[in-house]
Amino acid sequence: MTLDKYFKGEDESRKLFESLRGVIDSIGTAEIRVTKSQVAFHRRKAFAWAWMPGKYLRGKRAPLVLTVSLHHKDPSPRWKQVVQPYLPGTLYPSSGVVFRQGD
């Protein structure tokens, strides 16, 4: 699947994604893999995923959600949700909403 197909009709989500992509590109190149449900950024492993809740949820929703995988728990209050893995030695997936432009 292409980025254009994934974001078809979702202009606000695409603009936010392009901003995210610019930030990630500024710290190093990453391969982008697009599936039906998300866009993943990879280096040796996937480290960030962007997805649109509107494809799955009704009502008021964020136009784009970013999930990142960290090697440690980040206590920052800026994350909407932090999930600790059940298996020792695995990464700490942290999930946060990518803010709307202007926020």
N, C-alpha and C. Protein backbone atom coordinates (compact mmCIF):
# COMPACT_ATOMS: atom_id res chain seq x y z
N MET A 1 0.85 -1.17 0.00
CA MET A 1 0.00 0.00 0.00
C MET A 1 0.90 1.24 0.00
N THR A 2 0.44 2.29 -0.64
CA THR A 2 1.20 3.54 -0.68
C THR A 2 0.70 4.51 0.39
N LEU A 3 1.52 5.51 0.69
CA LEU A 3 1.09 6.55 1.63
C LEU A 3 -0.13 7.29 1.09
N ASP A 4 -0.13 7.57 -0.22
CA ASP A 4 -1.27 8.28 -0.80
C ASP A 4 -2.57 7.49 -0.61
N LYS A 5 -2.52 6.19 -0.79
CA LYS A 5 -3.71 5.38 -0.62
C LYS A 5 -4.12 5.32 0.86
N TYR A 6 -3.16 5.17 1.75
CA TYR A 6 -3.45 5.08 3.18
C TYR A 6 -4.14 6.36 3.67
N PHE A 7 -3.65 7.52 3.23
CA PHE A 7 -4.17 8.80 3.71
C PHE A 7 -5.24 9.41 2.79
N LYS A 8 -5.74 8.67 1.83
CA LYS A 8 -6.74 9.20 0.90
C LYS A 8 -7.94 9.78 1.66
N GLY A 9 -8.24 11.06 1.36
CA GLY A 9 -9.38 11.72 1.98
C GLY A 9 -9.14 12.17 3.42
N GLU A 10 -7.93 12.01 3.91
CA GLU A 10 -7.60 12.37 5.30
C GLU A 10 -6.50 13.43 5.30
N ASP A 11 -6.83 14.62 4.80
CA ASP A 11 -5.83 15.67 4.62
C ASP A 11 -5.17 16.13 5.92
N GLU A 12 -5.97 16.30 6.98
CA GLU A 12 -5.39 16.74 8.26
C GLU A 12 -4.43 15.69 8.80
N SER A 13 -4.81 14.43 8.71
CA SER A 13 -3.94 13.35 9.17
C SER A 13 -2.66 13.31 8.35
N ARG A 14 -2.76 13.51 7.06
CA ARG A 14 -1.58 13.48 6.19
C ARG A 14 -0.63 14.62 6.52
N LYS A 15 -1.17 15.81 6.76
CA LYS A 15 -0.31 16.95 7.12
C LYS A 15 0.44 16.68 8.42
N LEU A 16 -0.25 16.12 9.40
CA LEU A 16 0.41 15.77 10.66
C LEU A 16 1.48 14.70 10.44
N PHE A 17 1.15 13.71 9.61
CA PHE A 17 2.12 12.65 9.31
C PHE A 17 3.37 13.23 8.66
N GLU A 18 3.20 14.14 7.72
CA GLU A 18 4.36 14.73 7.04
C GLU A 18 5.22 15.53 8.02
N SER A 19 4.58 16.18 9.00
CA SER A 19 5.35 16.87 10.05
C SER A 19 6.13 15.85 10.88
N LEU A 20 5.48 14.77 11.26
CA LEU A 20 6.14 13.70 12.00
C LEU A 20 7.30 13.13 11.19
N ARG A 21 7.06 12.87 9.94
CA ARG A 21 8.10 12.32 9.06
C ARG A 21 9.31 13.25 9.00
N GLY A 22 9.06 14.55 8.95
CA GLY A 22 10.15 15.53 8.93
C GLY A 22 10.99 15.48 10.20
N VAL A 23 10.32 15.34 11.34
CA VAL A 23 11.05 15.24 12.61
C VAL A 23 11.89 13.98 12.64
N ILE A 24 11.32 12.87 12.24
CA ILE A 24 12.07 11.60 12.23
C ILE A 24 13.23 11.68 11.26
N ASP A 25 13.00 12.24 10.06
CA ASP A 25 14.09 12.39 9.08
C ASP A 25 15.21 13.28 9.60
N SER A 26 14.87 14.25 10.46
CA SER A 26 15.88 15.17 10.98
C SER A 26 16.85 14.48 11.95
N ILE A 27 16.47 13.34 12.50
CA ILE A 27 17.36 12.62 13.42
C ILE A 27 17.95 11.37 12.79
N GLY A 28 17.67 11.14 11.51
CA GLY A 28 18.23 10.00 10.81
C GLY A 28 17.21 9.36 9.89
N THR A 29 17.71 8.73 8.85
CA THR A 29 16.79 8.13 7.88
C THR A 29 16.11 6.90 8.47
N ALA A 30 14.90 6.67 8.00
CA ALA A 30 14.13 5.50 8.43
C ALA A 30 13.33 5.00 7.25
N GLU A 31 13.20 3.71 7.16
CA GLU A 31 12.37 3.10 6.14
C GLU A 31 10.91 3.20 6.58
N ILE A 32 10.04 3.52 5.65
CA ILE A 32 8.61 3.60 5.94
C ILE A 32 7.93 2.38 5.36
N ARG A 33 7.13 1.70 6.19
CA ARG A 33 6.35 0.55 5.74
C ARG A 33 4.87 0.84 6.00
N VAL A 34 4.09 0.77 4.95
CA VAL A 34 2.67 1.11 5.04
C VAL A 34 1.85 -0.18 4.96
N THR A 35 0.92 -0.34 5.91
CA THR A 35 -0.02 -1.44 5.86
C THR A 35 -1.43 -0.85 5.87
N LYS A 36 -2.41 -1.70 5.85
CA LYS A 36 -3.81 -1.24 5.88
C LYS A 36 -4.12 -0.45 7.15
N SER A 37 -3.49 -0.80 8.25
CA SER A 37 -3.86 -0.22 9.54
C SER A 37 -2.90 0.84 10.08
N GLN A 38 -1.68 0.91 9.56
CA GLN A 38 -0.70 1.84 10.14
C GLN A 38 0.47 2.09 9.20
N VAL A 39 1.26 3.10 9.58
CA VAL A 39 2.51 3.39 8.89
C VAL A 39 3.61 3.23 9.94
N ALA A 40 4.59 2.39 9.64
CA ALA A 40 5.67 2.12 10.59
C ALA A 40 6.98 2.71 10.09
N PHE A 41 7.77 3.20 11.04
CA PHE A 41 9.12 3.68 10.76
C PHE A 41 10.10 2.63 11.27
N HIS A 42 11.04 2.23 10.42
CA HIS A 42 11.99 1.17 10.75
C HIS A 42 13.41 1.67 10.58
N ARG A 43 14.27 1.21 11.43
CA ARG A 43 15.71 1.25 11.21
C ARG A 43 16.10 -0.22 11.20
N ARG A 44 16.74 -0.73 12.21
CA ARG A 44 16.93 -2.18 12.27
C ARG A 44 15.63 -2.86 12.68
N LYS A 45 14.86 -2.20 13.51
CA LYS A 45 13.55 -2.67 13.96
C LYS A 45 12.57 -1.51 13.84
N ALA A 46 11.30 -1.82 13.90
CA ALA A 46 10.30 -0.76 13.94
C ALA A 46 10.42 -0.02 15.27
N PHE A 47 10.33 1.30 15.22
CA PHE A 47 10.43 2.09 16.45
C PHE A 47 9.30 3.09 16.63
N ALA A 48 8.53 3.31 15.58
CA ALA A 48 7.40 4.25 15.68
C ALA A 48 6.32 3.84 14.70
N TRP A 49 5.08 4.02 15.12
CA TRP A 49 3.93 3.68 14.29
C TRP A 49 2.93 4.83 14.34
N ALA A 50 2.39 5.21 13.19
CA ALA A 50 1.35 6.23 13.13
C ALA A 50 0.10 5.57 12.57
N TRP A 51 -1.05 5.92 13.16
CA TRP A 51 -2.31 5.35 12.68
C TRP A 51 -3.42 6.35 12.92
N MET A 52 -4.52 6.17 12.20
CA MET A 52 -5.65 7.08 12.26
C MET A 52 -6.82 6.42 12.99
N PRO A 53 -7.14 6.88 14.19
CA PRO A 53 -8.23 6.29 14.94
C PRO A 53 -9.58 6.35 14.21
N GLY A 54 -9.75 7.33 13.35
CA GLY A 54 -11.01 7.48 12.63
C GLY A 54 -11.35 6.30 11.74
N LYS A 55 -10.36 5.49 11.41
CA LYS A 55 -10.63 4.29 10.63
C LYS A 55 -11.33 3.22 11.46
N TYR A 56 -11.24 3.36 12.80
CA TYR A 56 -11.73 2.30 13.68
C TYR A 56 -12.72 2.78 14.74
N LEU A 57 -12.67 4.06 15.07
CA LEU A 57 -13.49 4.59 16.16
C LEU A 57 -14.47 5.64 15.66
N ARG A 58 -15.57 5.78 16.35
CA ARG A 58 -16.56 6.80 16.02
C ARG A 58 -16.45 7.95 17.00
N GLY A 59 -17.08 9.05 16.66
CA GLY A 59 -17.10 10.20 17.56
C GLY A 59 -15.84 11.03 17.44
N LYS A 60 -15.66 11.91 18.43
CA LYS A 60 -14.50 12.79 18.44
C LYS A 60 -13.23 11.97 18.58
N ARG A 61 -12.27 12.23 17.74
CA ARG A 61 -11.04 11.45 17.73
C ARG A 61 -9.88 12.30 17.27
N ALA A 62 -8.70 11.91 17.60
CA ALA A 62 -7.49 12.56 17.11
C ALA A 62 -7.30 12.19 15.65
N PRO A 63 -6.77 13.09 14.83
CA PRO A 63 -6.55 12.76 13.43
C PRO A 63 -5.41 11.77 13.21
N LEU A 64 -4.46 11.69 14.16
CA LEU A 64 -3.32 10.79 14.02
C LEU A 64 -2.80 10.45 15.40
N VAL A 65 -2.44 9.19 15.61
CA VAL A 65 -1.86 8.75 16.87
C VAL A 65 -0.47 8.19 16.57
N LEU A 66 0.46 8.51 17.44
CA LEU A 66 1.83 8.03 17.33
C LEU A 66 2.10 7.07 18.48
N THR A 67 2.63 5.90 18.17
CA THR A 67 3.08 4.94 19.17
C THR A 67 4.58 4.77 18.98
N VAL A 68 5.33 4.84 20.07
CA VAL A 68 6.78 4.65 19.99
C VAL A 68 7.20 3.54 20.92
N SER A 69 8.29 2.89 20.59
CA SER A 69 8.84 1.82 21.40
C SER A 69 10.13 2.32 22.03
N LEU A 70 10.18 2.28 23.35
CA LEU A 70 11.34 2.77 24.09
C LEU A 70 12.00 1.64 24.85
N HIS A 71 13.28 1.81 25.16
CA HIS A 71 14.00 0.80 25.94
C HIS A 71 13.85 1.02 27.45
N HIS A 72 13.17 2.09 27.81
CA HIS A 72 12.96 2.41 29.22
C HIS A 72 11.58 3.05 29.37
N LYS A 73 11.08 3.05 30.57
CA LYS A 73 9.79 3.69 30.82
C LYS A 73 10.00 5.19 30.91
N ASP A 74 9.26 5.95 30.15
CA ASP A 74 9.35 7.41 30.15
C ASP A 74 8.23 7.95 31.04
N PRO A 75 8.57 8.61 32.15
CA PRO A 75 7.56 9.08 33.08
C PRO A 75 6.89 10.40 32.67
N SER A 76 7.19 10.91 31.50
CA SER A 76 6.67 12.21 31.07
C SER A 76 5.14 12.23 31.10
N PRO A 77 4.56 13.32 31.60
CA PRO A 77 3.09 13.44 31.61
C PRO A 77 2.53 13.77 30.22
N ARG A 78 3.40 14.00 29.23
CA ARG A 78 2.93 14.33 27.89
C ARG A 78 2.32 13.14 27.15
N TRP A 79 2.61 11.93 27.59
CA TRP A 79 2.03 10.76 26.95
C TRP A 79 0.58 10.60 27.38
N LYS A 80 -0.26 10.26 26.43
CA LYS A 80 -1.67 9.99 26.76
C LYS A 80 -1.78 8.66 27.49
N GLN A 81 -1.01 7.67 27.04
CA GLN A 81 -1.07 6.34 27.64
C GLN A 81 0.31 5.71 27.58
N VAL A 82 0.73 5.09 28.66
CA VAL A 82 1.99 4.35 28.70
C VAL A 82 1.65 2.93 29.08
N VAL A 83 2.14 1.98 28.30
CA VAL A 83 1.85 0.57 28.52
C VAL A 83 3.15 -0.14 28.84
N GLN A 84 3.17 -0.83 29.97
CA GLN A 84 4.35 -1.60 30.35
C GLN A 84 4.18 -3.03 29.84
N PRO A 85 5.20 -3.58 29.21
CA PRO A 85 5.09 -4.94 28.70
C PRO A 85 5.03 -5.96 29.83
N TYR A 86 4.49 -7.12 29.51
CA TYR A 86 4.39 -8.20 30.48
C TYR A 86 5.65 -9.04 30.57
N LEU A 87 6.44 -9.05 29.50
CA LEU A 87 7.63 -9.90 29.48
C LEU A 87 8.87 -9.12 29.88
N PRO A 88 9.68 -9.64 30.80
CA PRO A 88 10.91 -8.94 31.18
C PRO A 88 11.85 -8.83 29.99
N GLY A 89 12.53 -7.71 29.91
CA GLY A 89 13.52 -7.52 28.85
C GLY A 89 12.95 -7.01 27.54
N THR A 90 11.65 -6.80 27.45
CA THR A 90 11.09 -6.27 26.22
C THR A 90 11.03 -4.75 26.29
N LEU A 91 10.68 -4.14 25.18
CA LEU A 91 10.62 -2.69 25.12
C LEU A 91 9.37 -2.15 25.80
N TYR A 92 9.37 -0.88 26.10
CA TYR A 92 8.23 -0.20 26.71
C TYR A 92 7.48 0.56 25.63
N PRO A 93 6.40 0.02 25.08
CA PRO A 93 5.65 0.80 24.10
C PRO A 93 4.94 1.95 24.81
N SER A 94 5.15 3.15 24.34
CA SER A 94 4.49 4.32 24.89
C SER A 94 3.65 4.93 23.79
N SER A 95 2.44 5.30 24.10
CA SER A 95 1.55 5.80 23.08
C SER A 95 1.14 7.22 23.41
N GLY A 96 1.17 8.09 22.43
CA GLY A 96 0.76 9.47 22.65
C GLY A 96 0.07 10.02 21.41
N VAL A 97 -0.76 10.99 21.62
CA VAL A 97 -1.45 11.61 20.50
C VAL A 97 -0.51 12.63 19.86
N VAL A 98 -0.42 12.61 18.55
CA VAL A 98 0.30 13.64 17.83
C VAL A 98 -0.63 14.85 17.81
N PHE A 99 -0.14 15.97 18.28
CA PHE A 99 -0.99 17.13 18.44
C PHE A 99 -1.44 17.71 17.10
N ARG A 100 -2.61 18.31 17.11
CA ARG A 100 -3.13 18.98 15.91
C ARG A 100 -2.21 20.15 15.59
N GLN A 101 -2.12 20.51 14.31
CA GLN A 101 -1.31 21.65 13.94
C GLN A 101 -1.80 22.88 14.67
N GLY A 102 -0.89 23.67 15.16
CA GLY A 102 -1.24 24.86 15.91
C GLY A 102 -1.22 24.65 17.41
N ASP A 103 -1.17 23.41 17.88
CA ASP A 103 -1.13 23.13 19.32
C ASP A 103 0.31 23.27 19.82
